[in-house]
Structures are given as C-alpha cells and as structure tokens.
C-alpha cells in the first residue's frame, strides 16, 4: 500500500483527478437540487422544452435505466457496488498514466458518488434529462451522463492501448 500511496502522490492524474471527481458529484447534486427545489419538477412531473428534449421527473430505484429495482436489499446491494467500483477506480487512478483511462476513471468515480448519495439519502436516484424526442427511451441525470462518457473514455483508451501493443 505504501508503493501505491507514493505512486498516487506523484501522479498528476490522481492529484487533480480526485478533486475533479468530487466536482462531477457536486455538479450532479447541484443539478438535482435545482430540479427538485427550484424548478419543482416532482410536482410538475414533466416540462416540455422542445421536440427533442424535456425535463421529466423520475425516481429511479434500480440500477442503470431502472434495472433491478426492489426495496432495501436492492438499495444496499447497489450502494455497495457503487462504493466498490469507486474505490477500485480510485486505486487504479493512483497508478494510471494514460489520459483517456484517467478521464474515464474520474468521470465514473464522480458519477458513482453522485448517484450513491441519492441512493443512500433518499432510497432512489433522481433522473430528469429526457431525450425521448430522439427515441432515447431512458431518463437520466448528470451522474449517469458522466458514467457513460467515462465508459466511452475507457473504451477509447483500451482500443488505443491495444493498437500500441500490437505494433510490436
């Protein structure tokens, strides 16, 4: 563990990545606060913005896209998974030297923490971004977007890293 701590301390991706992940979680929570308490979307349920985008209030009690919804056991399992994923990615971030992998880890950590807060505090995750006008059937939030962009970064990194190793 001492090797990891020394590596993380010397790693610029880790030093700025931890505050960046916290910022993602904070932005997610601020957007949800605004939607719930300023816009008061829970009472309105839906605000039509355009033919492509609306604000639609959803309490997601499951995992991504509402999968696995089901009371306290589901809440505990999903919270535990979020904590484990964020912790594993944080440890990995302490050793990472590749830009896209680091960006992916940072975005996923921040998104996981943003949704984890909701799940622990409320028992559900607040979703409100609705692009059903583009035939996208799910309503999501800033944390979900960060997680998905983060996964995309990891895929780009994996493909780029694979092409580097196959050149030898």
C-alpha atoms as a PDB file:
ATOM      1  CA  UNK A   1       0.000   0.000   0.000  1.00  0.00           C
ATOM      2  CA  UNK A   2       2.941   2.341   0.626  1.00  0.00           C
ATOM      3  CA  UNK A   3       4.006   1.879  -3.013  1.00  0.00           C
ATOM      4  CA  UNK A   4       0.523   2.817  -4.142  1.00  0.00           C
ATOM      5  CA  UNK A   5       0.446   5.936  -1.921  1.00  0.00           C
ATOM      6  CA  UNK A   6       3.811   7.091  -3.245  1.00  0.00           C
ATOM      7  CA  UNK A   7       2.717   6.423  -6.822  1.00  0.00           C
ATOM      8  CA  UNK A   8      -0.591   8.254  -6.322  1.00  0.00           C
ATOM      9  CA  UNK A   9       1.099  11.219  -4.652  1.00  0.00           C
ATOM     10  CA  UNK A  10       3.488  11.566  -7.600  1.00  0.00           C
ATOM     11  CA  UNK A  11       0.723  11.077 -10.187  1.00  0.00           C
ATOM     12  CA  UNK A  12      -0.707  14.310 -11.623  1.00  0.00           C
ATOM     13  CA  UNK A  13      -3.800  12.448 -12.887  1.00  0.00           C
ATOM     14  CA  UNK A  14      -4.547  11.364  -9.322  1.00  0.00           C
ATOM     15  CA  UNK A  15      -3.766  14.766  -7.746  1.00  0.00           C
ATOM     16  CA  UNK A  16      -6.179  16.666  -9.951  1.00  0.00           C
ATOM     17  CA  UNK A  17      -8.459  13.709 -10.632  1.00  0.00           C
ATOM     18  CA  UNK A  18      -9.751  13.332  -7.078  1.00  0.00           C
ATOM     19  CA  UNK A  19     -10.987  16.955  -6.922  1.00  0.00           C
ATOM     20  CA  UNK A  20     -12.345  16.607 -10.484  1.00  0.00           C
ATOM     21  CA  UNK A  21     -14.343  13.515  -9.483  1.00  0.00           C
ATOM     22  CA  UNK A  22     -15.666  15.408  -6.460  1.00  0.00           C
ATOM     23  CA  UNK A  23     -16.656  18.265  -8.782  1.00  0.00           C
ATOM     24  CA  UNK A  24     -18.615  15.859 -11.012  1.00  0.00           C
ATOM     25  CA  UNK A  25     -20.506  14.580  -7.941  1.00  0.00           C
ATOM     26  CA  UNK A  26     -21.141  18.143  -6.725  1.00  0.00           C
ATOM     27  CA  UNK A  27     -22.413  19.276 -10.147  1.00  0.00           C
ATOM     28  CA  UNK A  28     -24.709  16.259 -10.225  1.00  0.00           C
ATOM     29  CA  UNK A  29     -26.098  17.079  -6.781  1.00  0.00           C
ATOM     30  CA  UNK A  30     -26.496  20.785  -7.602  1.00  0.00           C
ATOM     31  CA  UNK A  31     -28.423  19.925 -10.780  1.00  0.00           C
ATOM     32  CA  UNK A  32     -30.710  17.596  -8.816  1.00  0.00           C
ATOM     33  CA  UNK A  33     -31.243  20.225  -6.103  1.00  0.00           C
ATOM     34  CA  UNK A  34     -32.156  22.774  -8.766  1.00  0.00           C
ATOM     35  CA  UNK A  35     -34.568  20.374 -10.490  1.00  0.00           C
ATOM     36  CA  UNK A  36     -36.290  19.311  -7.247  1.00  0.00           C
ATOM     37  CA  UNK A  37     -36.307  22.537  -5.186  1.00  0.00           C
ATOM     38  CA  UNK A  38     -36.123  25.425  -7.667  1.00  0.00           C
ATOM     39  CA  UNK A  39     -37.874  24.071 -10.764  1.00  0.00           C
ATOM     40  CA  UNK A  40     -40.087  21.884  -8.517  1.00  0.00           C
ATOM     41  CA  UNK A  41     -40.197  19.179 -11.144  1.00  0.00           C
ATOM     42  CA  UNK A  42     -41.604  16.485  -8.797  1.00  0.00           C
ATOM     43  CA  UNK A  43     -44.894  18.422  -8.615  1.00  0.00           C
ATOM     44  CA  UNK A  44     -44.945  19.186 -12.353  1.00  0.00           C
ATOM     45  CA  UNK A  45     -43.705  15.729 -13.413  1.00  0.00           C
ATOM     46  CA  UNK A  46     -42.736  16.984 -16.902  1.00  0.00           C
ATOM     47  CA  UNK A  47     -41.758  20.242 -18.596  1.00  0.00           C
ATOM     48  CA  UNK A  48     -41.751  20.173 -22.361  1.00  0.00           C
ATOM     49  CA  UNK A  49     -38.722  22.069 -23.652  1.00  0.00           C
ATOM     50  CA  UNK A  50     -38.520  21.072 -27.316  1.00  0.00           C
ATOM     51  CA  UNK A  51     -39.429  18.290 -29.712  1.00  0.00           C
ATOM     52  CA  UNK A  52     -36.148  16.603 -28.775  1.00  0.00           C
ATOM     53  CA  UNK A  53     -35.631  17.345 -25.064  1.00  0.00           C
ATOM     54  CA  UNK A  54     -37.846  17.583 -21.983  1.00  0.00           C
ATOM     55  CA  UNK A  55     -37.386  17.656 -18.235  1.00  0.00           C
ATOM     56  CA  UNK A  56     -39.166  14.628 -16.775  1.00  0.00           C
ATOM     57  CA  UNK A  57     -39.025  13.688 -13.090  1.00  0.00           C
ATOM     58  CA  UNK A  58     -38.243  10.031 -12.380  1.00  0.00           C
ATOM     59  CA  UNK A  59     -37.318   8.336  -9.108  1.00  0.00           C
ATOM     60  CA  UNK A  60     -35.016   5.508 -10.223  1.00  0.00           C
ATOM     61  CA  UNK A  61     -34.992   2.850  -7.509  1.00  0.00           C
ATOM     62  CA  UNK A  62     -32.895   0.399  -9.512  1.00  0.00           C
ATOM     63  CA  UNK A  63     -29.554   0.373 -11.270  1.00  0.00           C
ATOM     64  CA  UNK A  64     -28.896   1.966 -14.641  1.00  0.00           C
ATOM     65  CA  UNK A  65     -32.113   2.606 -16.544  1.00  0.00           C
ATOM     66  CA  UNK A  66     -34.206   1.268 -13.642  1.00  0.00           C
ATOM     67  CA  UNK A  67     -32.918  -2.306 -13.826  1.00  0.00           C
ATOM     68  CA  UNK A  68     -33.043  -4.330 -10.625  1.00  0.00           C
ATOM     69  CA  UNK A  69     -35.415  -2.061  -8.707  1.00  0.00           C
ATOM     70  CA  UNK A  70     -36.631  -3.541  -5.483  1.00  0.00           C
ATOM     71  CA  UNK A  71     -36.586  -2.108  -1.962  1.00  0.00           C
ATOM     72  CA  UNK A  72     -33.963  -2.059   0.766  1.00  0.00           C
ATOM     73  CA  UNK A  73     -31.990  -5.149  -0.352  1.00  0.00           C
ATOM     74  CA  UNK A  74     -31.590  -3.659  -3.827  1.00  0.00           C
ATOM     75  CA  UNK A  75     -30.592  -0.303  -2.292  1.00  0.00           C
ATOM     76  CA  UNK A  76     -27.918  -1.958  -0.138  1.00  0.00           C
ATOM     77  CA  UNK A  77     -26.550  -4.084  -2.990  1.00  0.00           C
ATOM     78  CA  UNK A  78     -26.445  -1.188  -5.456  1.00  0.00           C
ATOM     79  CA  UNK A  79     -24.840   1.132  -2.886  1.00  0.00           C
ATOM     80  CA  UNK A  80     -22.205  -1.495  -2.071  1.00  0.00           C
ATOM     81  CA  UNK A  81     -21.440  -1.991  -5.756  1.00  0.00           C
ATOM     82  CA  UNK A  82     -21.118   1.787  -6.252  1.00  0.00           C
ATOM     83  CA  UNK A  83     -18.700   2.066  -3.339  1.00  0.00           C
ATOM     84  CA  UNK A  84     -16.640  -0.896  -4.561  1.00  0.00           C
ATOM     85  CA  UNK A  85     -16.442   0.421  -8.133  1.00  0.00           C
ATOM     86  CA  UNK A  86     -15.490   3.930  -6.994  1.00  0.00           C
ATOM     87  CA  UNK A  87     -12.841   2.543  -4.611  1.00  0.00           C
ATOM     88  CA  UNK A  88     -11.349   0.214  -7.235  1.00  0.00           C
ATOM     89  CA  UNK A  89     -11.215   3.017  -9.804  1.00  0.00           C
ATOM     90  CA  UNK A  90      -9.648   5.365  -7.246  1.00  0.00           C
ATOM     91  CA  UNK A  91      -6.911   2.819  -6.554  1.00  0.00           C
ATOM     92  CA  UNK A  92      -6.387   2.325 -10.293  1.00  0.00           C
ATOM     93  CA  UNK A  93      -6.305   6.108 -10.837  1.00  0.00           C
ATOM     94  CA  UNK A  94      -3.368   6.305  -8.423  1.00  0.00           C
ATOM     95  CA  UNK A  95      -1.334   4.246 -10.898  1.00  0.00           C
ATOM     96  CA  UNK A  96      -2.709   5.443 -14.233  1.00  0.00           C
ATOM     97  CA  UNK A  97      -0.516   7.340 -16.666  1.00  0.00           C
ATOM     98  CA  UNK A  98      -2.848   7.327 -19.693  1.00  0.00           C
ATOM     99  CA  UNK A  99      -5.075  10.355 -20.343  1.00  0.00           C
ATOM    100  CA  UNK A 100      -8.273   8.662 -21.588  1.00  0.00           C
ATOM    101  CA  UNK A 101      -8.159   5.963 -18.923  1.00  0.00           C
ATOM    102  CA  UNK A 102      -7.679   8.586 -16.210  1.00  0.00           C
ATOM    103  CA  UNK A 103     -10.502  10.751 -17.591  1.00  0.00           C
ATOM    104  CA  UNK A 104     -12.773   7.695 -17.719  1.00  0.00           C
ATOM    105  CA  UNK A 105     -11.976   6.689 -14.158  1.00  0.00           C
ATOM    106  CA  UNK A 106     -12.507  10.253 -12.897  1.00  0.00           C
ATOM    107  CA  UNK A 107     -15.896  10.596 -14.599  1.00  0.00           C
ATOM    108  CA  UNK A 108     -17.108   7.188 -13.402  1.00  0.00           C
ATOM    109  CA  UNK A 109     -15.977   7.846  -9.814  1.00  0.00           C
ATOM    110  CA  UNK A 110     -17.754  11.225  -9.757  1.00  0.00           C
ATOM    111  CA  UNK A 111     -20.920   9.825 -11.310  1.00  0.00           C
ATOM    112  CA  UNK A 112     -20.974   6.829  -8.987  1.00  0.00           C
ATOM    113  CA  UNK A 113     -20.613   9.092  -5.941  1.00  0.00           C
ATOM    114  CA  UNK A 114     -23.333  11.470  -7.171  1.00  0.00           C
ATOM    115  CA  UNK A 115     -25.837   8.653  -7.588  1.00  0.00           C
ATOM    116  CA  UNK A 116     -24.638   6.920  -4.400  1.00  0.00           C
ATOM    117  CA  UNK A 117     -25.551  10.000  -2.375  1.00  0.00           C
ATOM    118  CA  UNK A 118     -29.120   9.907  -3.725  1.00  0.00           C
ATOM    119  CA  UNK A 119     -29.471   6.191  -3.149  1.00  0.00           C
ATOM    120  CA  UNK A 120     -28.314   6.446   0.486  1.00  0.00           C
ATOM    121  CA  UNK A 121     -30.129   9.703   1.335  1.00  0.00           C
ATOM    122  CA  UNK A 122     -33.428   9.108  -0.479  1.00  0.00           C
ATOM    123  CA  UNK A 123     -33.601   5.438  -1.475  1.00  0.00           C
ATOM    124  CA  UNK A 124     -33.734   6.362  -5.158  1.00  0.00           C
ATOM    125  CA  UNK A 125     -31.782   8.330  -7.751  1.00  0.00           C
ATOM    126  CA  UNK A 126     -33.333  11.476  -9.222  1.00  0.00           C
ATOM    127  CA  UNK A 127     -33.407  11.408 -13.041  1.00  0.00           C
ATOM    128  CA  UNK A 128     -34.702  14.264 -15.173  1.00  0.00           C
ATOM    129  CA  UNK A 129     -32.933  14.557 -18.557  1.00  0.00           C
ATOM    130  CA  UNK A 130     -35.349  13.203 -21.162  1.00  0.00           C
ATOM    131  CA  UNK A 131     -34.294  12.872 -24.804  1.00  0.00           C
ATOM    132  CA  UNK A 132     -37.248  10.711 -25.821  1.00  0.00           C
ATOM    133  CA  UNK A 133     -37.727  13.021 -28.825  1.00  0.00           C
ATOM    134  CA  UNK A 134     -34.585  11.363 -30.186  1.00  0.00           C
ATOM    135  CA  UNK A 135     -36.133   7.944 -29.477  1.00  0.00           C
ATOM    136  CA  UNK A 136     -33.866   7.501 -26.436  1.00  0.00           C
ATOM    137  CA  UNK A 137     -36.248   5.738 -24.052  1.00  0.00           C
ATOM    138  CA  UNK A 138     -34.490   6.414 -20.720  1.00  0.00           C
ATOM    139  CA  UNK A 139     -34.487   9.436 -18.448  1.00  0.00           C
ATOM    140  CA  UNK A 140     -31.111  10.103 -16.826  1.00  0.00           C
ATOM    141  CA  UNK A 141     -29.077  12.654 -14.841  1.00  0.00           C
ATOM    142  CA  UNK A 142     -25.655  14.345 -14.846  1.00  0.00           C
ATOM    143  CA  UNK A 143     -24.054  11.452 -12.928  1.00  0.00           C
ATOM    144  CA  UNK A 144     -25.373   8.921 -15.447  1.00  0.00           C
ATOM    145  CA  UNK A 145     -24.012  11.028 -18.305  1.00  0.00           C
ATOM    146  CA  UNK A 146     -20.603  11.221 -16.589  1.00  0.00           C
ATOM    147  CA  UNK A 147     -20.544   7.452 -16.077  1.00  0.00           C
ATOM    148  CA  UNK A 148     -21.404   6.780 -19.720  1.00  0.00           C
ATOM    149  CA  UNK A 149     -18.858   9.276 -21.063  1.00  0.00           C
ATOM    150  CA  UNK A 150     -16.339   7.737 -18.648  1.00  0.00           C
ATOM    151  CA  UNK A 151     -17.012   4.263 -20.031  1.00  0.00           C
ATOM    152  CA  UNK A 152     -16.553   5.699 -23.524  1.00  0.00           C
ATOM    153  CA  UNK A 153     -13.175   7.111 -22.480  1.00  0.00           C
ATOM    154  CA  UNK A 154     -12.145   3.697 -21.148  1.00  0.00           C
ATOM    155  CA  UNK A 155     -13.155   2.066 -24.434  1.00  0.00           C
ATOM    156  CA  UNK A 156     -11.152   4.638 -26.429  1.00  0.00           C
ATOM    157  CA  UNK A 157      -8.180   4.054 -24.135  1.00  0.00           C
ATOM    158  CA  UNK A 158      -8.461   0.277 -24.463  1.00  0.00           C
ATOM    159  CA  UNK A 159      -8.605   0.476 -28.246  1.00  0.00           C
ATOM    160  CA  UNK A 160      -5.703   2.938 -28.422  1.00  0.00           C
ATOM    161  CA  UNK A 161      -3.637   0.944 -25.931  1.00  0.00           C
ATOM    162  CA  UNK A 162      -4.355  -2.304 -27.793  1.00  0.00           C
ATOM    163  CA  UNK A 163      -3.189  -0.789 -31.090  1.00  0.00           C
ATOM    164  CA  UNK A 164       0.019   0.366 -29.374  1.00  0.00           C
ATOM    165  CA  UNK A 165       0.760  -3.128 -28.082  1.00  0.00           C
ATOM    166  CA  UNK A 166       0.016  -4.814 -31.403  1.00  0.00           C
ATOM    167  CA  UNK A 167       2.521  -2.615 -33.284  1.00  0.00           C
ATOM    168  CA  UNK A 168       5.464  -4.518 -31.753  1.00  0.00           C
END
